[in-house]
C-alpha atoms as a PDB file:
ATOM      1  CA  MET A   1       0.087  -0.058   0.045  1.00  0.00           C
ATOM      2  CA  ASN A   2       3.194   2.108   0.343  1.00  0.00           C
ATOM      3  CA  ARG A   3       3.522   1.917  -2.831  1.00  0.00           C
ATOM      4  CA  LEU A   4       0.194   4.428  -3.707  1.00  0.00           C
ATOM      5  CA  LEU A   5       1.913   6.997  -1.556  1.00  0.00           C
ATOM      6  CA  LEU A   6       4.510   7.034  -4.421  1.00  0.00           C
ATOM      7  CA  ALA A   7       1.814   7.823  -7.153  1.00  0.00           C
ATOM      8  CA  ALA A   8       2.132  11.654  -5.572  1.00  0.00           C
ATOM      9  CA  TYR A   9       5.936  12.296  -7.152  1.00  0.00           C
ATOM     10  CA  PRO A  10       6.964  12.830 -10.823  1.00  0.00           C
ATOM     11  CA  GLU A  11       8.074   9.771 -12.467  1.00  0.00           C
ATOM     12  CA  PRO A  12      11.515  10.766 -12.201  1.00  0.00           C
ATOM     13  CA  TYR A  13      11.204  11.241  -8.247  1.00  0.00           C
ATOM     14  CA  ARG A  14       9.983   7.816  -7.995  1.00  0.00           C
ATOM     15  CA  SER A  15      12.775   6.123 -10.338  1.00  0.00           C
ATOM     16  CA  ARG A  16      15.672   8.015  -8.329  1.00  0.00           C
ATOM     17  CA  GLN A  17      14.235   7.740  -4.933  1.00  0.00           C
ATOM     18  CA  GLY A  18      11.491   5.868  -4.723  1.00  0.00           C
ATOM     19  CA  GLU A  19      13.035   2.852  -3.484  1.00  0.00           C
ATOM     20  CA  GLU A  20      14.419   4.877  -0.611  1.00  0.00           C
ATOM     21  CA  VAL A  21      11.324   6.363   0.545  1.00  0.00           C
ATOM     22  CA  LEU A  22       9.923   2.752   0.941  1.00  0.00           C
ATOM     23  CA  ALA A  23      12.348   1.762   2.913  1.00  0.00           C
ATOM     24  CA  CYS A  24      12.228   4.318   5.003  1.00  0.00           C
ATOM     25  CA  LEU A  25       8.984   3.620   5.902  1.00  0.00           C
ATOM     26  CA  SER A  26       9.585  -0.016   6.133  1.00  0.00           C
ATOM     27  CA  GLU A  27      12.200   1.012   8.838  1.00  0.00           C
ATOM     28  CA  ALA A  28      10.083   3.632  10.430  1.00  0.00           C
ATOM     29  CA  TYR A  29       6.780   1.666  10.568  1.00  0.00           C
ATOM     30  CA  PRO A  30       7.409  -1.907  10.902  1.00  0.00           C
ATOM     31  CA  GLY A  31       5.022  -4.500  10.108  1.00  0.00           C
ATOM     32  CA  ARG A  32       2.276  -1.755   9.192  1.00  0.00           C
ATOM     33  CA  SER A  33       1.396  -1.739   5.226  1.00  0.00           C
ATOM     34  CA  TRP A  34       0.203   1.958   5.748  1.00  0.00           C
ATOM     35  CA  PRO A  35       1.794   4.803   7.789  1.00  0.00           C
ATOM     36  CA  PRO A  36      -0.096   7.292  10.264  1.00  0.00           C
ATOM     37  CA  PRO A  37      -2.529   9.586   9.234  1.00  0.00           C
ATOM     38  CA  ARG A  38      -0.357  12.547   9.372  1.00  0.00           C
ATOM     39  CA  GLU A  39       2.971  10.778   7.577  1.00  0.00           C
ATOM     40  CA  VAL A  40       0.579  10.192   4.502  1.00  0.00           C
ATOM     41  CA  ALA A  41      -0.756  13.781   4.816  1.00  0.00           C
ATOM     42  CA  ALA A  42       3.072  14.883   5.128  1.00  0.00           C
ATOM     43  CA  LEU A  43       3.906  12.510   1.952  1.00  0.00           C
ATOM     44  CA  VAL A  44       1.151  13.599  -0.287  1.00  0.00           C
ATOM     45  CA  ARG A  45       1.860  17.518   0.549  1.00  0.00           C
ATOM     46  CA  ALA A  46       5.353  16.789  -0.448  1.00  0.00           C
ATOM     47  CA  GLY A  47       4.483  14.929  -3.440  1.00  0.00           C
ATOM     48  CA  VAL A  48       2.189  17.794  -4.951  1.00  0.00           C
ATOM     49  CA  GLN A  49       5.081  19.953  -4.510  1.00  0.00           C
ATOM     50  CA  ALA A  50       7.553  18.166  -5.942  1.00  0.00           C
ATOM     51  CA  ARG A  51       5.213  17.156  -8.997  1.00  0.00           C
ATOM     52  CA  ALA A  52       4.721  21.312  -8.922  1.00  0.00           C
ATOM     53  CA  ARG A  53       8.245  21.895  -9.024  1.00  0.00           C
ATOM     54  CA  ALA A  54       8.746  19.729 -11.969  1.00  0.00           C
ATOM     55  CA  VAL A  55       5.980  21.660 -13.859  1.00  0.00           C
ATOM     56  CA  VAL A  56       7.453  25.267 -13.210  1.00  0.00           C
ATOM     57  CA  ASP A  57      11.167  23.609 -14.333  1.00  0.00           C
ATOM     58  CA  ASP A  58       9.501  22.217 -17.751  1.00  0.00           C
ATOM     59  CA  THR A  59       9.989  25.296 -19.724  1.00  0.00           C
ATOM     60  CA  ALA A  60       8.501  24.079 -23.182  1.00  0.00           C
ATOM     61  CA  ARG A  61       5.540  26.089 -22.581  1.00  0.00           C
ATOM     62  CA  PRO A  62       4.701  29.351 -21.160  1.00  0.00           C
ATOM     63  CA  TRP A  63       3.203  29.524 -17.816  1.00  0.00           C
ATOM     64  CA  TRP A  64      -0.238  31.102 -18.722  1.00  0.00           C
ATOM     65  CA  LEU A  65      -0.426  28.515 -21.678  1.00  0.00           C
ATOM     66  CA  ASP A  66      -0.371  25.942 -19.432  1.00  0.00           C
ATOM     67  CA  GLY A  67      -2.923  27.629 -16.852  1.00  0.00           C
ATOM     68  CA  ILE A  68      -5.407  27.982 -19.954  1.00  0.00           C
ATOM     69  CA  HIS A  69      -5.174  23.982 -20.592  1.00  0.00           C
ATOM     70  CA  LEU A  70      -5.422  23.405 -16.802  1.00  0.00           C
ATOM     71  CA  ALA A  71      -8.522  25.966 -16.826  1.00  0.00           C
ATOM     72  CA  ALA A  72      -9.830  24.101 -19.711  1.00  0.00           C
ATOM     73  CA  LEU A  73      -9.620  20.677 -18.180  1.00  0.00           C
ATOM     74  CA  ALA A  74     -11.344  21.812 -14.879  1.00  0.00           C
ATOM     75  CA  LEU A  75     -14.245  23.382 -17.018  1.00  0.00           C
ATOM     76  CA  ALA A  76     -14.657  20.048 -19.107  1.00  0.00           C
ATOM     77  CA  ALA A  77     -14.807  17.835 -16.013  1.00  0.00           C
ATOM     78  CA  LEU A  78     -17.266  20.347 -14.461  1.00  0.00           C
ATOM     79  CA  ALA A  79     -19.699  20.197 -17.332  1.00  0.00           C
ATOM     80  CA  LEU A  80     -19.268  16.382 -17.232  1.00  0.00           C
ATOM     81  CA  VAL A  81     -20.102  15.886 -13.657  1.00  0.00           C
ATOM     82  CA  PRO A  82     -23.683  15.971 -13.586  1.00  0.00           C
ATOM     83  CA  TYR A  83     -23.771  13.816 -16.685  1.00  0.00           C
ATOM     84  CA  LEU A  84     -21.805  10.726 -15.284  1.00  0.00           C
ATOM     85  CA  GLN A  85     -24.789   8.166 -14.883  1.00  0.00           C
ATOM     86  CA  ASP A  86     -26.194   9.102 -18.529  1.00  0.00           C
ATOM     87  CA  VAL A  87     -23.164   7.893 -20.113  1.00  0.00           C
ATOM     88  CA  TRP A  88     -21.964   5.478 -18.183  1.00  0.00           C
ATOM     89  CA  HIS A  89     -26.179   3.881 -18.624  1.00  0.00           C
ATOM     90  CA  TRP A  90     -25.432   4.727 -22.278  1.00  0.00           C
ATOM     91  CA  ALA A  91     -22.057   3.065 -22.962  1.00  0.00           C
ATOM     92  CA  LEU A  92     -23.520  -0.375 -21.288  1.00  0.00           C
ATOM     93  CA  HIS A  93     -26.791  -0.172 -22.560  1.00  0.00           C
ATOM     94  CA  ILE A  94     -28.231  -0.257 -19.089  1.00  0.00           C
ATOM     95  CA  ASP A  95     -31.953   0.859 -18.725  1.00  0.00           C
ATOM     96  CA  PRO A  96     -31.964   3.360 -15.720  1.00  0.00           C
ATOM     97  CA  GLY A  97     -35.542   2.464 -15.445  1.00  0.00           C
ATOM     98  CA  GLN A  98     -37.285   4.860 -12.994  1.00  0.00           C
ATOM     99  CA  HIS A  99     -33.469   6.566 -12.405  1.00  0.00           C
ATOM    100  CA  ALA A 100     -33.911   8.198 -15.497  1.00  0.00           C
ATOM    101  CA  ILE A 101     -34.148  11.706 -14.726  1.00  0.00           C
ATOM    102  CA  ALA A 102     -35.991  14.604 -16.903  1.00  0.00           C
ATOM    103  CA  PHE A 103     -36.618  12.888 -19.962  1.00  0.00           C
ATOM    104  CA  HIS A 104     -40.154  12.903 -21.328  1.00  0.00           C
ATOM    105  CA  PHE A 105     -39.830   9.261 -22.096  1.00  0.00           C
ATOM    106  CA  SER A 106     -38.567   6.386 -20.456  1.00  0.00           C
ATOM    107  CA  GLY A 107     -37.733   2.770 -20.543  1.00  0.00           C
ATOM    108  CA  TRP A 108     -34.274   0.997 -21.898  1.00  0.00           C
ATOM    109  CA  TYR A 109     -31.901   3.768 -23.500  1.00  0.00           C
ATOM    110  CA  PRO A 110     -34.279   6.879 -22.605  1.00  0.00           C
ATOM    111  CA  TRP A 111     -32.660   9.044 -25.253  1.00  0.00           C
ATOM    112  CA  ALA A 112     -32.643   6.403 -28.262  1.00  0.00           C
ATOM    113  CA  GLU A 113     -36.254   7.832 -29.341  1.00  0.00           C
ATOM    114  CA  GLY A 114     -37.856  10.900 -28.867  1.00  0.00           C
ATOM    115  CA  PRO A 115     -40.472  13.359 -30.194  1.00  0.00           C
ATOM    116  CA  THR A 116     -38.433  14.249 -32.918  1.00  0.00           C
ATOM    117  CA  ARG A 117     -38.199  10.626 -33.957  1.00  0.00           C
ATOM    118  CA  ILE A 118     -34.307  10.737 -34.286  1.00  0.00           C
ATOM    119  CA  ARG A 119     -31.845   8.672 -32.388  1.00  0.00           C
ATOM    120  CA  LEU A 120     -30.740  11.130 -29.449  1.00  0.00           C
ATOM    121  CA  LEU A 121     -27.087  10.596 -27.579  1.00  0.00           C
ATOM    122  CA  PRO A 122     -26.205  11.829 -23.989  1.00  0.00           C
ATOM    123  CA  TYR A 123     -25.190  15.197 -23.494  1.00  0.00           C
ATOM    124  CA  GLY A 124     -22.180  13.934 -21.502  1.00  0.00           C
ATOM    125  CA  LEU A 125     -20.679  12.476 -24.502  1.00  0.00           C
ATOM    126  CA  LEU A 126     -19.352  16.412 -25.486  1.00  0.00           C
ATOM    127  CA  PRO A 127     -17.713  17.121 -22.313  1.00  0.00           C
ATOM    128  CA  LEU A 128     -16.065  13.657 -22.028  1.00  0.00           C
ATOM    129  CA  GLY A 129     -14.841  13.797 -25.567  1.00  0.00           C
ATOM    130  CA  CYS A 130     -13.736  17.408 -24.885  1.00  0.00           C
ATOM    131  CA  LEU A 131     -11.925  16.010 -21.040  1.00  0.00           C
ATOM    132  CA  ILE A 132     -10.105  13.561 -23.135  1.00  0.00           C
ATOM    133  CA  ALA A 133      -8.999  15.213 -26.272  1.00  0.00           C
ATOM    134  CA  LEU A 134      -7.294  18.268 -23.802  1.00  0.00           C
ATOM    135  CA  LEU A 135      -5.991  15.334 -21.634  1.00  0.00           C
ATOM    136  CA  ARG A 136      -4.166  14.707 -24.503  1.00  0.00           C
ATOM    137  CA  GLY A 137      -3.061  17.819 -25.725  1.00  0.00           C
ATOM    138  CA  ARG A 138      -5.491  17.695 -28.829  1.00  0.00           C
ATOM    139  CA  ALA A 139      -6.970  21.207 -28.626  1.00  0.00           C
ATOM    140  CA  TRP A 140      -7.984  20.973 -32.221  1.00  0.00           C
ATOM    141  CA  ILE A 141     -10.284  18.066 -31.578  1.00  0.00           C
ATOM    142  CA  ALA A 142     -11.406  19.524 -27.757  1.00  0.00           C
ATOM    143  CA  LEU A 143     -12.584  22.704 -30.099  1.00  0.00           C
ATOM    144  CA  PRO A 144     -15.691  21.567 -31.588  1.00  0.00           C
ATOM    145  CA  ALA A 145     -16.567  19.514 -28.669  1.00  0.00           C
ATOM    146  CA  ALA A 146     -17.035  22.519 -27.018  1.00  0.00           C
ATOM    147  CA  ALA A 147     -18.435  24.356 -29.714  1.00  0.00           C
ATOM    148  CA  ALA A 148     -21.226  21.485 -29.909  1.00  0.00           C
ATOM    149  CA  MET A 149     -21.897  22.197 -26.476  1.00  0.00           C
ATOM    150  CA  ILE A 150     -23.124  25.629 -27.068  1.00  0.00           C
ATOM    151  CA  TRP A 151     -24.889  24.248 -30.287  1.00  0.00           C
ATOM    152  CA  ALA A 152     -26.902  21.492 -28.446  1.00  0.00           C
ATOM    153  CA  GLY A 153     -27.764  24.418 -25.543  1.00  0.00           C
ATOM    154  CA  ALA A 154     -28.569  27.290 -27.604  1.00  0.00           C
ATOM    155  CA  THR A 155     -30.843  24.768 -29.824  1.00  0.00           C
ATOM    156  CA  SER A 156     -32.334  23.032 -26.792  1.00  0.00           C
ATOM    157  CA  HIS A 157     -36.066  24.267 -27.831  1.00  0.00           C
ATOM    158  CA  GLY A 158     -35.823  22.891 -31.331  1.00  0.00           C
ATOM    159  CA  ARG A 159     -34.873  19.681 -33.020  1.00  0.00           C
ATOM    160  CA  ILE A 160     -31.806  18.342 -31.132  1.00  0.00           C
ATOM    161  CA  LEU A 161     -29.388  15.097 -31.238  1.00  0.00           C
ATOM    162  CA  PHE A 162     -28.813  15.042 -27.765  1.00  0.00           C
ATOM    163  CA  GLY A 163     -31.151  14.176 -25.031  1.00  0.00           C
ATOM    164  CA  ASP A 164     -32.848  16.827 -22.717  1.00  0.00           C
ATOM    165  CA  GLU A 165     -31.308  16.155 -19.591  1.00  0.00           C
ATOM    166  CA  GLY A 166     -29.598  19.017 -18.309  1.00  0.00           C
ATOM    167  CA  LYS A 167     -31.744  21.390 -20.665  1.00  0.00           C
ATOM    168  CA  ALA A 168     -35.462  20.553 -19.214  1.00  0.00           C
ATOM    169  CA  GLY A 169     -33.818  19.904 -15.743  1.00  0.00           C
ATOM    170  CA  LEU A 170     -31.442  21.554 -13.499  1.00  0.00           C
ATOM    171  CA  SER A 171     -27.881  19.893 -12.884  1.00  0.00           C
ATOM    172  CA  TYR A 172     -26.109  21.268  -9.690  1.00  0.00           C
ATOM    173  CA  TYR A 173     -22.387  21.395  -8.997  1.00  0.00           C
ATOM    174  CA  GLY A 174     -21.009  21.154  -5.640  1.00  0.00           C
ATOM    175  CA  LEU A 175     -21.900  23.909  -3.313  1.00  0.00           C
ATOM    176  CA  GLY A 176     -25.687  24.197  -5.082  1.00  0.00           C
ATOM    177  CA  ALA A 177     -24.819  26.410  -7.910  1.00  0.00           C
ATOM    178  CA  PRO A 178     -27.170  25.279 -10.522  1.00  0.00           C
ATOM    179  CA  ILE A 179     -26.016  25.261 -14.194  1.00  0.00           C
ATOM    180  CA  THR A 180     -27.643  24.055 -17.350  1.00  0.00           C
ATOM    181  CA  ALA A 181     -26.806  22.896 -20.917  1.00  0.00           C
ATOM    182  CA  ARG A 182     -28.667  26.270 -22.061  1.00  0.00           C
ATOM    183  CA  ASP A 183     -26.565  28.376 -19.364  1.00  0.00           C
ATOM    184  CA  LEU A 184     -23.642  28.975 -22.251  1.00  0.00           C
ATOM    185  CA  VAL A 185     -21.312  30.635 -19.982  1.00  0.00           C
ATOM    186  CA  LEU A 186     -19.832  27.585 -19.494  1.00  0.00           C
ATOM    187  CA  SER A 187     -19.537  26.265 -22.318  1.00  0.00           C
ATOM    188  CA  GLY A 188     -18.801  29.541 -24.008  1.00  0.00           C
ATOM    189  CA  THR A 189     -15.646  30.002 -21.348  1.00  0.00           C
ATOM    190  CA  LEU A 190     -14.241  26.132 -22.370  1.00  0.00           C
ATOM    191  CA  CYS A 191     -14.761  27.106 -26.041  1.00  0.00           C
ATOM    192  CA  ALA A 192     -12.921  30.009 -25.750  1.00  0.00           C
ATOM    193  CA  ALA A 193      -9.980  28.172 -24.117  1.00  0.00           C
ATOM    194  CA  CYS A 194      -9.895  25.419 -26.534  1.00  0.00           C
ATOM    195  CA  ALA A 195     -10.067  28.276 -29.201  1.00  0.00           C
ATOM    196  CA  VAL A 196      -6.750  29.747 -27.791  1.00  0.00           C
ATOM    197  CA  LEU A 197      -5.091  26.510 -27.248  1.00  0.00           C
ATOM    198  CA  ALA A 198      -6.257  25.749 -30.782  1.00  0.00           C
ATOM    199  CA  LEU A 199      -4.398  28.417 -32.118  1.00  0.00           C
ATOM    200  CA  CYS A 200      -0.936  27.396 -30.664  1.00  0.00           C
ATOM    201  CA  ARG A 201       1.576  24.708 -31.408  1.00  0.00           C
ATOM    202  CA  PRO A 202       0.165  20.885 -30.879  1.00  0.00           C
ATOM    203  CA  SER A 203       3.957  20.300 -29.554  1.00  0.00           C
ATOM    204  CA  ARG A 204       3.900  23.330 -26.631  1.00  0.00           C
ATOM    205  CA  LEU A 205       0.315  21.841 -25.064  1.00  0.00           C
ATOM    206  CA  ARG A 206       0.977  19.042 -22.401  1.00  0.00           C
ATOM    207  CA  ARG A 207       0.130  15.464 -23.124  1.00  0.00           C
ATOM    208  CA  ARG A 208      -1.077  13.835 -19.933  1.00  0.00           C
ATOM    209  CA  SER A 209      -1.414   9.899 -19.660  1.00  0.00           C
ATOM    210  CA  TYR A 210      -4.748   7.975 -20.318  1.00  0.00           C
ATOM    211  CA  ARG A 211      -4.159   6.937 -16.429  1.00  0.00           C
ATOM    212  CA  TRP A 212      -5.471  10.133 -15.780  1.00  0.00           C
ATOM    213  CA  LEU A 213      -9.056   8.592 -17.040  1.00  0.00           C
ATOM    214  CA  VAL A 214      -9.047   6.264 -14.058  1.00  0.00           C
ATOM    215  CA  PRO A 215     -11.187   8.662 -11.840  1.00  0.00           C
ATOM    216  CA  VAL A 216     -13.618   9.613 -14.430  1.00  0.00           C
ATOM    217  CA  VAL A 217     -14.217   6.029 -15.189  1.00  0.00           C
ATOM    218  CA  LEU A 218     -14.472   4.867 -11.293  1.00  0.00           C
ATOM    219  CA  ALA A 219     -17.029   8.065 -10.943  1.00  0.00           C
ATOM    220  CA  MET A 220     -19.013   6.890 -13.830  1.00  0.00           C
ATOM    221  CA  LEU A 221     -19.175   3.277 -12.155  1.00  0.00           C
ATOM    222  CA  VAL A 222     -20.060   4.641  -8.797  1.00  0.00           C
ATOM    223  CA  ALA A 223     -22.609   7.005 -10.380  1.00  0.00           C
ATOM    224  CA  GLY A 224     -24.141   4.615 -12.611  1.00  0.00           C
ATOM    225  CA  GLY A 225     -23.940   1.512 -10.919  1.00  0.00           C
ATOM    226  CA  LEU A 226     -25.516   3.076  -7.497  1.00  0.00           C
ATOM    227  CA  HIS A 227     -27.707   5.359  -9.585  1.00  0.00           C
ATOM    228  CA  ILE A 228     -26.237   8.326  -7.307  1.00  0.00           C
ATOM    229  CA  ILE A 229     -27.502  11.902  -9.581  1.00  0.00           C
ATOM    230  CA  SER A 230     -26.057  15.548  -9.436  1.00  0.00           C
ATOM    231  CA  VAL A 231     -28.966  16.484  -6.969  1.00  0.00           C
ATOM    232  CA  SER A 232     -28.793  13.860  -4.145  1.00  0.00           C
ATOM    233  CA  PRO A 233     -27.017  14.775  -1.063  1.00  0.00           C
ATOM    234  CA  THR A 234     -24.241  12.317  -1.243  1.00  0.00           C
ATOM    235  CA  PHE A 235     -23.164  13.690  -4.780  1.00  0.00           C
ATOM    236  CA  GLN A 236     -23.186  16.986  -3.358  1.00  0.00           C
ATOM    237  CA  ARG A 237     -20.793  16.316  -0.493  1.00  0.00           C
ATOM    238  CA  GLY A 238     -18.656  14.198  -2.386  1.00  0.00           C
ATOM    239  CA  LEU A 239     -18.359  16.566  -5.209  1.00  0.00           C
ATOM    240  CA  PHE A 240     -17.535  19.337  -2.358  1.00  0.00           C
ATOM    241  CA  ALA A 241     -14.876  17.285  -1.004  1.00  0.00           C
ATOM    242  CA  LEU A 242     -13.140  16.613  -4.589  1.00  0.00           C
ATOM    243  CA  GLU A 243     -13.372  20.626  -5.099  1.00  0.00           C
ATOM    244  CA  VAL A 244     -11.516  21.326  -1.158  1.00  0.00           C
ATOM    245  CA  ALA A 245      -8.835  18.613  -2.145  1.00  0.00           C
ATOM    246  CA  ALA A 246      -8.534  20.143  -5.735  1.00  0.00           C
ATOM    247  CA  LEU A 247      -8.203  23.875  -3.893  1.00  0.00           C
ATOM    248  CA  ILE A 248      -5.563  22.677  -1.366  1.00  0.00           C
ATOM    249  CA  ALA A 249      -3.307  21.262  -3.897  1.00  0.00           C
ATOM    250  CA  ALA A 250      -3.262  24.093  -5.776  1.00  0.00           C
ATOM    251  CA  TRP A 251      -2.892  26.152  -2.768  1.00  0.00           C
ATOM    252  CA  ALA A 252       0.317  23.683  -1.896  1.00  0.00           C
ATOM    253  CA  ALA A 253       1.414  24.060  -5.774  1.00  0.00           C
ATOM    254  CA  THR A 254       1.482  27.568  -5.565  1.00  0.00           C
ATOM    255  CA  ALA A 255       2.934  28.458  -2.319  1.00  0.00           C
ATOM    256  CA  ALA A 256       5.796  25.888  -2.952  1.00  0.00           C
ATOM    257  CA  THR A 257       6.902  27.673  -6.566  1.00  0.00           C
ATOM    258  CA  GLY A 258       5.105  31.039  -6.704  1.00  0.00           C
ATOM    259  CA  ASP A 259       4.155  30.319  -9.786  1.00  0.00           C
ATOM    260  CA  ARG A 260       0.442  31.810 -10.955  1.00  0.00           C
ATOM    261  CA  ARG A 261      -0.682  29.253 -13.259  1.00  0.00           C
ATOM    262  CA  TRP A 262      -2.969  27.381 -11.093  1.00  0.00           C
ATOM    263  CA  LEU A 263      -4.513  30.766 -10.029  1.00  0.00           C
ATOM    264  CA  ILE A 264      -6.094  30.552 -13.808  1.00  0.00           C
ATOM    265  CA  PRO A 265      -8.490  27.312 -13.574  1.00  0.00           C
ATOM    266  CA  VAL A 266      -9.093  28.229 -10.203  1.00  0.00           C
ATOM    267  CA  ALA A 267     -10.733  31.777 -11.270  1.00  0.00           C
ATOM    268  CA  ALA A 268     -12.392  30.264 -14.359  1.00  0.00           C
ATOM    269  CA  VAL A 269     -14.124  27.494 -12.327  1.00  0.00           C
ATOM    270  CA  ALA A 270     -15.246  30.497  -9.805  1.00  0.00           C
ATOM    271  CA  ILE A 271     -16.259  33.099 -12.528  1.00  0.00           C
ATOM    272  CA  VAL A 272     -18.403  30.078 -14.086  1.00  0.00           C
ATOM    273  CA  ARG A 273     -19.995  29.206 -10.947  1.00  0.00           C
ATOM    274  CA  THR A 274     -20.207  32.687  -9.365  1.00  0.00           C
ATOM    275  CA  GLN A 275     -22.164  33.653 -12.244  1.00  0.00           C
ATOM    276  CA  ALA A 276     -24.971  30.911 -12.305  1.00  0.00           C
ATOM    277  CA  ILE A 277     -25.588  32.009  -8.534  1.00  0.00           C
ATOM    278  CA  VAL A 278     -25.652  35.480  -9.137  1.00  0.00           C
ATOM    279  CA  VAL A 279     -28.173  35.024 -12.626  1.00  0.00           C
ATOM    280  CA  ARG A 280     -30.763  32.881 -11.237  1.00  0.00           C
ATOM    281  CA  PRO A 281     -30.724  33.252  -7.218  1.00  0.00           C
ATOM    282  CA  ASP A 282     -34.376  31.909  -7.459  1.00  0.00           C
ATOM    283  CA  ALA A 283     -32.956  28.441  -8.244  1.00  0.00           C
ATOM    284  CA  PHE A 284     -30.095  28.277  -5.581  1.00  0.00           C
ATOM    285  CA  MET A 285     -30.038  24.974  -3.907  1.00  0.00           C
ATOM    286  CA  GLN A 286     -29.513  26.610  -0.465  1.00  0.00           C
ATOM    287  CA  SER A 287     -27.090  23.994   0.721  1.00  0.00           C
ATOM    288  CA  PHE A 288     -25.631  26.987   2.272  1.00  0.00           C
ATOM    289  CA  PRO A 289     -26.453  29.986   2.565  1.00  0.00           C
ATOM    290  CA  ASP A 290     -25.843  32.404  -0.526  1.00  0.00           C
ATOM    291  CA  LEU A 291     -23.343  34.822   1.059  1.00  0.00           C
ATOM    292  CA  VAL A 292     -21.185  32.096   2.568  1.00  0.00           C
ATOM    293  CA  VAL A 293     -21.291  30.153  -1.165  1.00  0.00           C
ATOM    294  CA  LEU A 294     -19.820  32.783  -2.640  1.00  0.00           C
ATOM    295  CA  ILE A 295     -17.494  33.821  -0.082  1.00  0.00           C
ATOM    296  CA  LEU A 296     -16.079  30.464  -0.235  1.00  0.00           C
ATOM    297  CA  LEU A 297     -15.813  30.273  -4.458  1.00  0.00           C
ATOM    298  CA  ILE A 298     -14.418  33.482  -4.236  1.00  0.00           C
ATOM    299  CA  ALA A 299     -12.052  33.163  -1.373  1.00  0.00           C
ATOM    300  CA  PRO A 300      -9.155  31.105  -2.799  1.00  0.00           C
ATOM    301  CA  LEU A 301      -8.378  33.713  -5.543  1.00  0.00           C
ATOM    302  CA  PRO A 302      -6.729  36.354  -3.308  1.00  0.00           C
ATOM    303  CA  ALA A 303      -5.408  33.181  -0.984  1.00  0.00           C
ATOM    304  CA  LEU A 304      -3.385  31.783  -3.955  1.00  0.00           C
ATOM    305  CA  ALA A 305      -2.288  35.582  -5.290  1.00  0.00           C
ATOM    306  CA  ILE A 306      -0.778  35.893  -1.652  1.00  0.00           C
ATOM    307  CA  ALA A 307       1.041  32.467  -1.525  1.00  0.00           C
ATOM    308  CA  ALA A 308       2.366  33.312  -5.070  1.00  0.00           C
ATOM    309  CA  GLN A 309       3.285  36.744  -3.563  1.00  0.00           C
ATOM    310  CA  ARG A 310       4.695  35.397  -0.268  1.00  0.00           C
ATOM    311  CA  ARG A 311       7.173  32.880  -2.503  1.00  0.00           C
ATOM    312  CA  GLN A 312       8.169  34.937  -4.701  1.00  0.00           C
ATOM    313  CA  GLY A 313       9.335  37.566  -2.060  1.00  0.00           C
ATOM    314  CA  GLN A 314      11.217  34.636  -0.206  1.00  0.00           C
ATOM    315  CA  ALA A 315      12.853  33.852  -3.472  1.00  0.00           C
ATOM    316  CA  LEU A 316      14.022  37.589  -4.005  1.00  0.00           C
ATOM    317  CA  ALA A 317      15.419  37.147  -0.388  1.00  0.00           C
ATOM    318  CA  GLU A 318      17.331  34.065  -0.895  1.00  0.00           C
END
């Protein structure tokens, strides 16, 4: 189990010092397959910091381009989250039955037939395709997928190719900020980020392994297998915990390097979700008071900026 902790570190570090770290853990905690929680937290934090330094030391791309790439990845994941159950059922031909949400028709493949008598697809395929393309650094593939998200949201009242989940009903994100496919701010911001990335040379974009899709597949398995929909308390608590973990990782990376690239995805997600609450306050889920939610969304931005400034000041003093 100790080897799982090494996954937090970049590959070069694991190759050079991985066995040494494992030997130290075995010596410090004999007979235990997992160190104490405090040691786990320290190792994970050190791993995040090591990854952040490796990213900053890579000068193949400017920091702002990498930040926009991270923002596009975060927005694609945010758009995919409410449709995990749909995509899982569609991919495995599972009949959701009574668990089908916000469809005007039910039964096996609820999006396969509609009033328009054309075959429909789950809307979640668009952000999923965009996410995969961005992970592999293929912005020219992600751009049409993001543009199709705008088209699907803008044409939800006419003949549509995609089912009306997320169009007729609300989809919730984290703290209860309602965002639907009709709200084009999310898809529009994602499309703009993909356009900027597509204008750059493909070789300048970071390519990540397909292993980054493992958490996405596991999330689909949990959401589809247990029928955990986006409006359920379990979904909300899980997404909130994931968002907190991501913010802590962004803060640790920023504090360790003084680099501002992680501020860009945090700002993009905060702007999109804050806009959704401000524009539609009547649809707010009231999981927390409105002011508390807005503070929680906006507070990480100055926190990351201050952390970057302090680290840069320390570097100059040294």
